[in-house]
């Protein structure tokens, strides 16, 4: 869908920056837990990160088989947007 490789490179750089900022915010929230629960929170964050990467790779591969490249990338984009909207609400909204 990109007209040339420089466009792909620019988009990849922007997506990498967005992931970096998103990851940093979530990691900071994990480290703001009460001292007694901080290790558990950071450990749970790391576990969710690595399990999510593993499960995401498997799901994306299955999505490629089921709906092709465009459909798989569209589903992945929708999932990232949904996750960002949910995370923006913060723990206060989901606990309340």
N, C-alpha and C. Protein backbone atom coordinates (compact mmCIF):
# COMPACT_ATOMS: atom_id res chain seq x y z
N UNK A 1 0.81 -1.19 0.00
CA UNK A 1 0.00 0.00 0.00
C UNK A 1 0.86 1.27 0.00
N UNK A 2 2.11 1.16 0.43
CA UNK A 2 2.99 2.33 0.44
C UNK A 2 3.55 2.57 -0.95
N UNK A 3 3.69 3.83 -1.33
CA UNK A 3 4.19 4.12 -2.67
C UNK A 3 5.68 3.83 -2.85
N UNK A 4 6.47 3.86 -1.77
CA UNK A 4 7.90 3.60 -1.90
C UNK A 4 8.48 3.21 -0.54
N UNK A 5 9.73 2.71 -0.56
CA UNK A 5 10.33 2.26 0.69
C UNK A 5 10.61 3.40 1.67
N UNK A 6 10.91 4.63 1.24
CA UNK A 6 11.09 5.70 2.23
C UNK A 6 9.81 5.96 3.04
N UNK A 7 8.65 5.79 2.41
CA UNK A 7 7.39 5.96 3.14
C UNK A 7 7.25 4.86 4.19
N UNK A 8 7.59 3.64 3.83
CA UNK A 8 7.55 2.53 4.79
C UNK A 8 8.50 2.80 5.95
N UNK A 9 9.69 3.30 5.64
CA UNK A 9 10.67 3.59 6.68
C UNK A 9 10.13 4.66 7.64
N UNK A 10 9.54 5.70 7.10
CA UNK A 10 8.99 6.77 7.94
C UNK A 10 7.86 6.25 8.82
N UNK A 11 6.98 5.47 8.24
CA UNK A 11 5.87 4.90 9.02
C UNK A 11 6.39 3.98 10.11
N UNK A 12 7.39 3.17 9.82
CA UNK A 12 7.97 2.28 10.82
C UNK A 12 8.62 3.07 11.95
N UNK A 13 9.26 4.16 11.62
CA UNK A 13 9.88 4.99 12.65
C UNK A 13 8.81 5.61 13.56
N UNK A 14 7.73 6.08 12.97
CA UNK A 14 6.64 6.66 13.76
C UNK A 14 6.00 5.59 14.64
N UNK A 15 5.75 4.42 14.08
CA UNK A 15 5.15 3.34 14.88
C UNK A 15 6.08 2.90 16.01
N UNK A 16 7.37 2.86 15.74
CA UNK A 16 8.32 2.51 16.80
C UNK A 16 8.31 3.54 17.92
N UNK A 17 8.24 4.81 17.58
CA UNK A 17 8.17 5.86 18.58
C UNK A 17 6.89 5.75 19.40
N UNK A 18 5.78 5.49 18.73
CA UNK A 18 4.50 5.34 19.43
C UNK A 18 4.56 4.14 20.39
N UNK A 19 5.10 3.02 19.94
CA UNK A 19 5.22 1.86 20.82
C UNK A 19 6.12 2.17 22.01
N UNK A 20 7.21 2.85 21.76
CA UNK A 20 8.14 3.22 22.83
C UNK A 20 7.43 4.07 23.89
N UNK A 21 6.66 5.06 23.44
CA UNK A 21 5.97 5.93 24.39
C UNK A 21 4.87 5.17 25.13
N UNK A 22 4.14 4.31 24.43
CA UNK A 22 3.07 3.53 25.05
C UNK A 22 3.64 2.57 26.09
N UNK A 23 4.73 1.90 25.74
CA UNK A 23 5.37 0.96 26.66
C UNK A 23 5.89 1.69 27.90
N UNK A 24 6.49 2.85 27.70
CA UNK A 24 7.03 3.61 28.83
C UNK A 24 5.95 4.03 29.81
N UNK A 25 4.80 4.46 29.31
CA UNK A 25 3.70 4.87 30.18
C UNK A 25 3.20 3.68 30.99
N UNK A 26 3.00 2.55 30.33
CA UNK A 26 2.51 1.37 31.05
C UNK A 26 3.52 0.88 32.08
N UNK A 27 4.80 0.92 31.74
CA UNK A 27 5.84 0.49 32.67
C UNK A 27 5.90 1.44 33.87
N UNK A 28 5.74 2.71 33.63
CA UNK A 28 5.75 3.68 34.73
C UNK A 28 4.57 3.43 35.67
N UNK A 29 3.41 3.13 35.11
CA UNK A 29 2.25 2.83 35.96
C UNK A 29 2.51 1.59 36.80
N UNK A 30 3.18 0.59 36.25
CA UNK A 30 3.48 -0.62 37.02
C UNK A 30 4.43 -0.32 38.17
N UNK A 31 5.38 0.59 37.96
CA UNK A 31 6.34 0.90 39.02
C UNK A 31 5.78 1.85 40.07
N UNK A 32 4.60 2.42 39.83
CA UNK A 32 3.98 3.30 40.80
C UNK A 32 3.12 2.56 41.81
N UNK A 33 3.15 1.25 41.78
CA UNK A 33 2.37 0.47 42.75
C UNK A 33 2.94 0.66 44.15
N UNK A 34 2.16 0.30 45.13
CA UNK A 34 2.63 0.37 46.51
C UNK A 34 3.89 -0.47 46.66
N UNK A 35 4.80 -0.06 47.54
CA UNK A 35 6.08 -0.80 47.67
C UNK A 35 5.92 -2.30 47.87
N UNK A 36 4.91 -2.71 48.62
CA UNK A 36 4.72 -4.14 48.87
C UNK A 36 4.25 -4.91 47.65
N UNK A 37 3.66 -4.22 46.70
CA UNK A 37 3.13 -4.89 45.51
C UNK A 37 3.91 -4.54 44.25
N UNK A 38 4.94 -3.73 44.38
CA UNK A 38 5.66 -3.24 43.20
C UNK A 38 6.32 -4.38 42.43
N UNK A 39 6.97 -5.30 43.12
CA UNK A 39 7.63 -6.42 42.43
C UNK A 39 6.63 -7.27 41.66
N UNK A 40 5.49 -7.52 42.28
CA UNK A 40 4.44 -8.29 41.61
C UNK A 40 3.91 -7.55 40.39
N UNK A 41 3.72 -6.23 40.53
CA UNK A 41 3.20 -5.43 39.42
C UNK A 41 4.17 -5.42 38.25
N UNK A 42 5.45 -5.22 38.53
CA UNK A 42 6.45 -5.18 37.46
C UNK A 42 6.59 -6.57 36.83
N UNK A 43 6.58 -7.61 37.66
CA UNK A 43 6.65 -8.98 37.13
C UNK A 43 5.46 -9.32 36.25
N UNK A 44 4.26 -8.89 36.68
CA UNK A 44 3.06 -9.14 35.89
C UNK A 44 3.12 -8.36 34.57
N UNK A 45 3.66 -7.14 34.63
CA UNK A 45 3.81 -6.34 33.41
C UNK A 45 4.74 -7.05 32.43
N UNK A 46 5.88 -7.51 32.92
CA UNK A 46 6.85 -8.19 32.04
C UNK A 46 6.25 -9.48 31.47
N UNK A 47 5.54 -10.23 32.32
CA UNK A 47 4.92 -11.46 31.84
C UNK A 47 3.89 -11.16 30.76
N UNK A 48 3.05 -10.14 30.99
CA UNK A 48 2.04 -9.79 29.99
C UNK A 48 2.68 -9.31 28.69
N UNK A 49 3.78 -8.57 28.81
CA UNK A 49 4.47 -8.09 27.61
C UNK A 49 4.97 -9.26 26.76
N UNK A 50 5.68 -10.19 27.39
CA UNK A 50 6.28 -11.28 26.62
C UNK A 50 5.26 -12.32 26.17
N UNK A 51 4.26 -12.60 27.00
CA UNK A 51 3.20 -13.51 26.56
C UNK A 51 2.39 -12.88 25.44
N UNK A 52 2.18 -11.56 25.54
CA UNK A 52 1.45 -10.86 24.49
C UNK A 52 2.19 -10.88 23.17
N UNK A 53 3.51 -10.72 23.23
CA UNK A 53 4.30 -10.78 21.99
C UNK A 53 4.23 -12.18 21.39
N UNK A 54 4.30 -13.19 22.22
CA UNK A 54 4.24 -14.57 21.72
C UNK A 54 2.87 -14.89 21.14
N UNK A 55 1.83 -14.58 21.91
CA UNK A 55 0.47 -14.87 21.43
C UNK A 55 0.13 -14.01 20.22
N UNK A 56 0.62 -12.76 20.21
CA UNK A 56 0.36 -11.88 19.07
C UNK A 56 0.97 -12.39 17.79
N UNK A 57 2.17 -12.93 17.88
CA UNK A 57 2.81 -13.50 16.68
C UNK A 57 2.02 -14.68 16.15
N UNK A 58 1.57 -15.53 17.05
CA UNK A 58 0.77 -16.69 16.64
C UNK A 58 -0.56 -16.24 16.04
N UNK A 59 -1.23 -15.30 16.71
CA UNK A 59 -2.52 -14.82 16.22
C UNK A 59 -2.37 -14.12 14.87
N UNK A 60 -1.30 -13.34 14.71
CA UNK A 60 -1.10 -12.65 13.44
C UNK A 60 -0.85 -13.64 12.32
N UNK A 61 -0.06 -14.68 12.59
CA UNK A 61 0.17 -15.71 11.58
C UNK A 61 -1.11 -16.40 11.18
N UNK A 62 -1.96 -16.72 12.16
CA UNK A 62 -3.25 -17.33 11.84
C UNK A 62 -4.15 -16.36 11.09
N UNK A 63 -4.06 -15.08 11.46
CA UNK A 63 -4.84 -14.07 10.76
C UNK A 63 -4.43 -13.94 9.30
N UNK A 64 -3.12 -14.06 9.04
CA UNK A 64 -2.65 -14.02 7.66
C UNK A 64 -3.28 -15.13 6.83
N UNK A 65 -3.37 -16.30 7.44
CA UNK A 65 -3.98 -17.43 6.72
C UNK A 65 -5.47 -17.22 6.51
N UNK A 66 -6.13 -16.64 7.52
CA UNK A 66 -7.58 -16.51 7.47
C UNK A 66 -8.06 -15.35 6.61
N UNK A 67 -7.45 -14.17 6.76
CA UNK A 67 -7.98 -12.98 6.09
C UNK A 67 -6.97 -12.25 5.21
N UNK A 68 -5.77 -12.77 5.08
CA UNK A 68 -4.76 -12.15 4.24
C UNK A 68 -4.05 -11.00 4.94
N UNK A 69 -3.11 -10.40 4.23
CA UNK A 69 -2.28 -9.34 4.82
C UNK A 69 -3.09 -8.11 5.19
N UNK A 70 -3.91 -7.62 4.27
CA UNK A 70 -4.67 -6.40 4.56
C UNK A 70 -5.60 -6.60 5.74
N UNK A 71 -6.31 -7.70 5.77
CA UNK A 71 -7.23 -7.96 6.87
C UNK A 71 -6.51 -8.14 8.20
N UNK A 72 -5.38 -8.83 8.18
CA UNK A 72 -4.63 -9.05 9.42
C UNK A 72 -4.08 -7.74 9.96
N UNK A 73 -3.55 -6.90 9.08
CA UNK A 73 -3.03 -5.61 9.54
C UNK A 73 -4.16 -4.70 10.00
N UNK A 74 -5.32 -4.76 9.36
CA UNK A 74 -6.47 -3.96 9.78
C UNK A 74 -6.95 -4.41 11.16
N UNK A 75 -7.00 -5.70 11.39
CA UNK A 75 -7.40 -6.21 12.71
C UNK A 75 -6.38 -5.84 13.78
N UNK A 76 -5.10 -5.92 13.44
CA UNK A 76 -4.06 -5.54 14.39
C UNK A 76 -4.16 -4.05 14.73
N UNK A 77 -4.40 -3.22 13.73
CA UNK A 77 -4.54 -1.78 13.97
C UNK A 77 -5.74 -1.50 14.86
N UNK A 78 -6.86 -2.17 14.60
CA UNK A 78 -8.05 -1.98 15.43
C UNK A 78 -7.78 -2.42 16.87
N UNK A 79 -7.03 -3.50 17.04
CA UNK A 79 -6.70 -3.96 18.38
C UNK A 79 -5.82 -2.98 19.13
N UNK A 80 -4.85 -2.39 18.44
CA UNK A 80 -3.97 -1.40 19.09
C UNK A 80 -4.76 -0.16 19.48
N UNK A 81 -5.66 0.29 18.61
CA UNK A 81 -6.49 1.45 18.93
C UNK A 81 -7.38 1.15 20.14
N UNK A 82 -7.99 -0.03 20.17
CA UNK A 82 -8.84 -0.41 21.30
C UNK A 82 -8.02 -0.48 22.59
N UNK A 83 -6.81 -1.02 22.53
CA UNK A 83 -5.96 -1.09 23.70
C UNK A 83 -5.57 0.30 24.18
N UNK A 84 -5.25 1.19 23.27
CA UNK A 84 -4.88 2.56 23.64
C UNK A 84 -6.04 3.30 24.29
N UNK A 85 -7.25 3.12 23.75
CA UNK A 85 -8.43 3.77 24.34
C UNK A 85 -8.68 3.21 25.74
N UNK A 86 -8.57 1.90 25.89
CA UNK A 86 -8.77 1.28 27.20
C UNK A 86 -7.71 1.75 28.20
N UNK A 87 -6.47 1.79 27.77
CA UNK A 87 -5.38 2.20 28.67
C UNK A 87 -5.50 3.68 29.04
N UNK A 88 -6.02 4.48 28.14
CA UNK A 88 -6.18 5.92 28.42
C UNK A 88 -7.16 6.15 29.56
N UNK A 89 -8.13 5.27 29.74
CA UNK A 89 -9.08 5.40 30.83
C UNK A 89 -8.42 5.28 32.18
N UNK A 90 -7.34 4.53 32.23
CA UNK A 90 -6.57 4.40 33.47
C UNK A 90 -7.20 3.45 34.46
N UNK A 91 -6.49 3.16 35.53
CA UNK A 91 -6.98 2.19 36.51
C UNK A 91 -8.19 2.71 37.28
N UNK A 92 -8.34 4.02 37.42
CA UNK A 92 -9.45 4.56 38.18
C UNK A 92 -10.78 4.25 37.51
N UNK A 93 -10.84 4.36 36.19
CA UNK A 93 -12.09 4.12 35.47
C UNK A 93 -12.46 2.64 35.45
N UNK A 94 -11.48 1.76 35.32
CA UNK A 94 -11.79 0.34 35.25
C UNK A 94 -12.08 -0.25 36.63
N UNK A 95 -11.60 0.38 37.69
CA UNK A 95 -11.84 -0.13 39.04
C UNK A 95 -13.17 0.36 39.60
N UNK A 96 -13.70 1.42 39.00
CA UNK A 96 -14.76 2.11 39.60
C UNK A 96 -16.15 1.79 39.39
